[in-house]
Amino acid sequence: MAQDMQHRMKEVGGKEKFQEAAYGLMDHLSEMGAATKEFAADSAQEIRENIGHLYERGQEKFEGLEQKLEAEIKKYPLRTVAFAAGIGFLLGWLRGKRRS
């Protein structure tokens, strides 16, 4: 009977140690999850900021290109019309060849 009692006490102590280890593991995993969530949120914010800056830079370059193109069109209107007509003719010719 004494051995049975000691065996049960060891079982209880083993269970308690196992539960304690399991709770410790759960806490650790919870902390890792929180850290991962925070890292993901920070990374997403940084990506949003980078995309915003890239968009602004692209928009500025496009506006500069647009102004340059407008100036060229005003400076050489006939050349611009001839160039556009040539491109239209070339695209029409290529499209016609595909249908044949």
N, C-alpha and C. Protein backbone atom coordinates (compact mmCIF):
# COMPACT_ATOMS: atom_id res chain seq x y z
N MET A 1 0.80 -1.18 0.00
CA MET A 1 0.00 0.00 0.00
C MET A 1 0.86 1.26 0.00
N ALA A 2 1.96 1.25 0.71
CA ALA A 2 2.87 2.39 0.75
C ALA A 2 3.47 2.62 -0.63
N GLN A 3 3.78 1.53 -1.30
CA GLN A 3 4.35 1.66 -2.65
C GLN A 3 3.31 2.23 -3.60
N ASP A 4 2.08 1.77 -3.43
CA ASP A 4 1.00 2.28 -4.28
C ASP A 4 0.81 3.78 -4.06
N MET A 5 0.89 4.22 -2.81
CA MET A 5 0.76 5.63 -2.47
C MET A 5 1.91 6.43 -3.07
N GLN A 6 3.14 5.90 -2.98
CA GLN A 6 4.31 6.59 -3.55
C GLN A 6 4.17 6.67 -5.07
N HIS A 7 3.71 5.57 -5.67
CA HIS A 7 3.54 5.54 -7.12
C HIS A 7 2.52 6.61 -7.56
N ARG A 8 1.41 6.72 -6.82
CA ARG A 8 0.39 7.73 -7.13
C ARG A 8 0.93 9.14 -6.93
N MET A 9 1.73 9.35 -5.92
CA MET A 9 2.32 10.68 -5.68
C MET A 9 3.27 11.04 -6.81
N LYS A 10 4.01 10.03 -7.28
CA LYS A 10 4.91 10.29 -8.42
C LYS A 10 4.10 10.63 -9.65
N GLU A 11 2.98 9.91 -9.86
CA GLU A 11 2.12 10.20 -11.00
C GLU A 11 1.58 11.62 -10.93
N VAL A 12 1.11 11.99 -9.76
CA VAL A 12 0.57 13.34 -9.58
C VAL A 12 1.67 14.38 -9.81
N GLY A 13 2.84 14.13 -9.25
CA GLY A 13 3.96 15.06 -9.44
C GLY A 13 4.36 15.12 -10.90
N GLY A 14 4.35 13.99 -11.58
CA GLY A 14 4.67 13.96 -13.01
C GLY A 14 3.65 14.71 -13.83
N LYS A 15 2.39 14.54 -13.46
CA LYS A 15 1.32 15.25 -14.18
C LYS A 15 1.44 16.75 -13.98
N GLU A 16 1.73 17.12 -12.74
CA GLU A 16 1.88 18.55 -12.45
C GLU A 16 3.05 19.15 -13.23
N LYS A 17 4.15 18.39 -13.28
CA LYS A 17 5.31 18.88 -14.05
C LYS A 17 4.97 18.98 -15.53
N PHE A 18 4.22 17.98 -16.01
CA PHE A 18 3.83 18.00 -17.42
C PHE A 18 2.92 19.19 -17.70
N GLN A 19 1.93 19.40 -16.80
CA GLN A 19 1.02 20.53 -16.98
C GLN A 19 1.78 21.85 -16.92
N GLU A 20 2.71 21.93 -15.99
CA GLU A 20 3.51 23.15 -15.86
C GLU A 20 4.32 23.39 -17.13
N ALA A 21 4.91 22.34 -17.67
CA ALA A 21 5.69 22.47 -18.91
C ALA A 21 4.77 22.84 -20.07
N ALA A 22 3.58 22.24 -20.12
CA ALA A 22 2.64 22.53 -21.20
C ALA A 22 2.18 23.98 -21.13
N TYR A 23 1.88 24.47 -19.90
CA TYR A 23 1.48 25.87 -19.77
C TYR A 23 2.62 26.81 -20.14
N GLY A 24 3.83 26.43 -19.76
CA GLY A 24 4.99 27.24 -20.13
C GLY A 24 5.15 27.29 -21.64
N LEU A 25 4.95 26.15 -22.31
CA LEU A 25 5.04 26.10 -23.77
C LEU A 25 3.94 26.95 -24.40
N MET A 26 2.73 26.87 -23.86
CA MET A 26 1.63 27.67 -24.39
C MET A 26 1.93 29.16 -24.25
N ASP A 27 2.48 29.55 -23.12
CA ASP A 27 2.83 30.96 -22.92
C ASP A 27 3.89 31.40 -23.93
N HIS A 28 4.88 30.52 -24.12
CA HIS A 28 5.97 30.84 -25.06
C HIS A 28 5.41 30.97 -26.48
N LEU A 29 4.55 30.05 -26.87
CA LEU A 29 3.95 30.12 -28.21
C LEU A 29 3.08 31.36 -28.35
N SER A 30 2.38 31.73 -27.31
CA SER A 30 1.56 32.94 -27.34
C SER A 30 2.43 34.18 -27.52
N GLU A 31 3.55 34.23 -26.81
CA GLU A 31 4.48 35.35 -26.95
C GLU A 31 5.05 35.39 -28.36
N MET A 32 5.40 34.22 -28.90
CA MET A 32 5.93 34.18 -30.27
C MET A 32 4.88 34.65 -31.27
N GLY A 33 3.62 34.25 -31.05
CA GLY A 33 2.55 34.68 -31.93
C GLY A 33 2.36 36.19 -31.88
N ALA A 34 2.42 36.75 -30.69
CA ALA A 34 2.27 38.20 -30.55
C ALA A 34 3.42 38.93 -31.22
N ALA A 35 4.63 38.40 -31.06
CA ALA A 35 5.80 39.03 -31.69
C ALA A 35 5.70 38.94 -33.21
N THR A 36 5.23 37.79 -33.71
CA THR A 36 5.07 37.61 -35.16
C THR A 36 4.02 38.57 -35.70
N LYS A 37 2.93 38.72 -34.96
CA LYS A 37 1.86 39.63 -35.38
C LYS A 37 2.37 41.07 -35.43
N GLU A 38 3.14 41.45 -34.43
CA GLU A 38 3.70 42.80 -34.38
C GLU A 38 4.67 43.03 -35.54
N PHE A 39 5.51 42.02 -35.81
CA PHE A 39 6.46 42.13 -36.91
C PHE A 39 5.73 42.26 -38.24
N ALA A 40 4.67 41.47 -38.42
CA ALA A 40 3.90 41.54 -39.67
C ALA A 40 3.23 42.90 -39.83
N ALA A 41 2.70 43.43 -38.74
CA ALA A 41 2.05 44.74 -38.81
C ALA A 41 3.07 45.82 -39.15
N ASP A 42 4.25 45.77 -38.52
CA ASP A 42 5.30 46.75 -38.82
C ASP A 42 5.76 46.64 -40.27
N SER A 43 5.91 45.39 -40.74
CA SER A 43 6.35 45.18 -42.12
C SER A 43 5.31 45.70 -43.10
N ALA A 44 4.04 45.44 -42.81
CA ALA A 44 2.97 45.91 -43.70
C ALA A 44 2.96 47.44 -43.75
N GLN A 45 3.15 48.08 -42.62
CA GLN A 45 3.17 49.55 -42.58
C GLN A 45 4.35 50.08 -43.40
N GLU A 46 5.50 49.45 -43.25
CA GLU A 46 6.68 49.88 -44.00
C GLU A 46 6.46 49.70 -45.50
N ILE A 47 5.84 48.60 -45.88
CA ILE A 47 5.55 48.36 -47.30
C ILE A 47 4.59 49.42 -47.83
N ARG A 48 3.55 49.73 -47.04
CA ARG A 48 2.60 50.77 -47.46
C ARG A 48 3.30 52.10 -47.67
N GLU A 49 4.20 52.45 -46.75
CA GLU A 49 4.93 53.72 -46.88
C GLU A 49 5.81 53.71 -48.12
N ASN A 50 6.51 52.60 -48.36
CA ASN A 50 7.38 52.50 -49.54
C ASN A 50 6.58 52.61 -50.83
N ILE A 51 5.44 51.94 -50.87
CA ILE A 51 4.60 52.01 -52.06
C ILE A 51 4.10 53.43 -52.27
N GLY A 52 3.74 54.11 -51.18
CA GLY A 52 3.30 55.50 -51.28
C GLY A 52 4.37 56.39 -51.86
N HIS A 53 5.61 56.21 -51.39
CA HIS A 53 6.72 57.02 -51.90
C HIS A 53 6.98 56.70 -53.37
N LEU A 54 6.95 55.42 -53.73
CA LEU A 54 7.17 55.05 -55.13
C LEU A 54 6.08 55.62 -56.02
N TYR A 55 4.85 55.58 -55.55
CA TYR A 55 3.74 56.14 -56.32
C TYR A 55 3.94 57.63 -56.55
N GLU A 56 4.31 58.34 -55.48
CA GLU A 56 4.54 59.79 -55.60
C GLU A 56 5.67 60.09 -56.58
N ARG A 57 6.76 59.32 -56.49
CA ARG A 57 7.89 59.55 -57.41
C ARG A 57 7.47 59.27 -58.85
N GLY A 58 6.72 58.20 -59.05
CA GLY A 58 6.24 57.87 -60.39
C GLY A 58 5.33 58.94 -60.94
N GLN A 59 4.47 59.44 -60.09
CA GLN A 59 3.55 60.50 -60.50
C GLN A 59 4.32 61.77 -60.88
N GLU A 60 5.34 62.12 -60.10
CA GLU A 60 6.16 63.30 -60.40
C GLU A 60 6.88 63.13 -61.74
N LYS A 61 7.43 61.94 -61.97
CA LYS A 61 8.14 61.70 -63.24
C LYS A 61 7.17 61.74 -64.41
N PHE A 62 5.98 61.18 -64.23
CA PHE A 62 4.99 61.19 -65.29
C PHE A 62 4.56 62.62 -65.60
N GLU A 63 4.35 63.43 -64.57
CA GLU A 63 3.96 64.82 -64.80
C GLU A 63 5.06 65.57 -65.55
N GLY A 64 6.31 65.29 -65.20
CA GLY A 64 7.43 65.92 -65.91
C GLY A 64 7.47 65.49 -67.37
N LEU A 65 7.22 64.21 -67.61
CA LEU A 65 7.20 63.68 -68.97
C LEU A 65 6.04 64.28 -69.75
N GLU A 66 4.91 64.41 -69.10
CA GLU A 66 3.73 64.99 -69.74
C GLU A 66 3.99 66.44 -70.16
N GLN A 67 4.61 67.20 -69.28
CA GLN A 67 4.92 68.59 -69.61
C GLN A 67 5.93 68.68 -70.76
N LYS A 68 6.90 67.79 -70.74
CA LYS A 68 7.90 67.76 -71.81
C LYS A 68 7.26 67.42 -73.15
N LEU A 69 6.36 66.44 -73.12
CA LEU A 69 5.67 66.02 -74.34
C LEU A 69 4.79 67.14 -74.87
N GLU A 70 4.07 67.81 -73.99
CA GLU A 70 3.24 68.94 -74.41
C GLU A 70 4.08 70.04 -75.06
N ALA A 71 5.22 70.32 -74.48
CA ALA A 71 6.11 71.35 -75.04
C ALA A 71 6.59 70.94 -76.43
N GLU A 72 6.94 69.67 -76.61
CA GLU A 72 7.39 69.19 -77.93
C GLU A 72 6.26 69.27 -78.95
N ILE A 73 5.04 68.92 -78.52
CA ILE A 73 3.90 68.98 -79.44
C ILE A 73 3.63 70.42 -79.87
N LYS A 74 3.71 71.35 -78.94
CA LYS A 74 3.49 72.77 -79.27
C LYS A 74 4.62 73.31 -80.15
N LYS A 75 5.82 72.81 -79.93
CA LYS A 75 6.97 73.30 -80.69
C LYS A 75 6.97 72.74 -82.11
N TYR A 76 6.59 71.46 -82.26
CA TYR A 76 6.61 70.80 -83.57
C TYR A 76 5.28 70.09 -83.83
N PRO A 77 4.21 70.84 -84.07
CA PRO A 77 2.90 70.20 -84.24
C PRO A 77 2.80 69.32 -85.49
N LEU A 78 3.38 69.76 -86.60
CA LEU A 78 3.30 68.99 -87.84
C LEU A 78 4.06 67.66 -87.70
N ARG A 79 5.22 67.72 -87.12
CA ARG A 79 6.02 66.50 -86.91
C ARG A 79 5.24 65.52 -86.02
N THR A 80 4.56 66.05 -85.01
CA THR A 80 3.80 65.22 -84.08
C THR A 80 2.66 64.51 -84.82
N VAL A 81 1.94 65.24 -85.65
CA VAL A 81 0.84 64.65 -86.40
C VAL A 81 1.37 63.60 -87.37
N ALA A 82 2.47 63.88 -88.03
CA ALA A 82 3.06 62.91 -88.97
C ALA A 82 3.51 61.66 -88.23
N PHE A 83 4.10 61.83 -87.08
CA PHE A 83 4.56 60.69 -86.28
C PHE A 83 3.37 59.83 -85.86
N ALA A 84 2.30 60.47 -85.38
CA ALA A 84 1.10 59.74 -84.95
C ALA A 84 0.47 59.01 -86.13
N ALA A 85 0.43 59.67 -87.29
CA ALA A 85 -0.14 59.02 -88.48
C ALA A 85 0.71 57.82 -88.89
N GLY A 86 2.01 57.98 -88.82
CA GLY A 86 2.90 56.86 -89.17
C GLY A 86 2.71 55.67 -88.25
N ILE A 87 2.58 55.92 -86.98
CA ILE A 87 2.34 54.83 -86.03
C ILE A 87 0.99 54.17 -86.30
N GLY A 88 -0.03 54.98 -86.56
CA GLY A 88 -1.36 54.45 -86.88
C GLY A 88 -1.32 53.59 -88.13
N PHE A 89 -0.62 54.05 -89.16
CA PHE A 89 -0.50 53.28 -90.40
C PHE A 89 0.21 51.96 -90.14
N LEU A 90 1.30 52.00 -89.38
CA LEU A 90 2.07 50.79 -89.08
C LEU A 90 1.23 49.78 -88.30
N LEU A 91 0.52 50.25 -87.29
CA LEU A 91 -0.32 49.34 -86.50
C LEU A 91 -1.45 48.76 -87.35
N GLY A 92 -2.07 49.58 -88.19
CA GLY A 92 -3.12 49.09 -89.09
C GLY A 92 -2.59 48.06 -90.06
N TRP A 93 -1.42 48.30 -90.61
CA TRP A 93 -0.79 47.36 -91.55
C TRP A 93 -0.49 46.03 -90.86
N LEU A 94 0.07 46.09 -89.63
CA LEU A 94 0.37 44.86 -88.90
C LEU A 94 -0.90 44.09 -88.54
N ARG A 95 -1.95 44.79 -88.20
CA ARG A 95 -3.20 44.14 -87.86
C ARG A 95 -3.81 43.48 -89.09
N GLY A 96 -3.68 44.17 -90.23
CA GLY A 96 -4.19 43.60 -91.49
C GLY A 96 -3.43 42.34 -91.88
N LYS A 97 -2.13 42.29 -91.62
CA LYS A 97 -1.34 41.10 -91.94
C LYS A 97 -1.75 39.91 -91.09
N ARG A 98 -2.15 40.16 -89.87
CA ARG A 98 -2.56 39.06 -88.97
C ARG A 98 -3.86 38.42 -89.45
N ARG A 99 -4.74 39.20 -90.00
CA ARG A 99 -6.03 38.69 -90.46
C ARG A 99 -5.89 37.86 -91.74
N SER A 100 -4.85 38.10 -92.48
CA SER A 100 -4.67 37.38 -93.76
C SER A 100 -4.21 35.98 -93.57
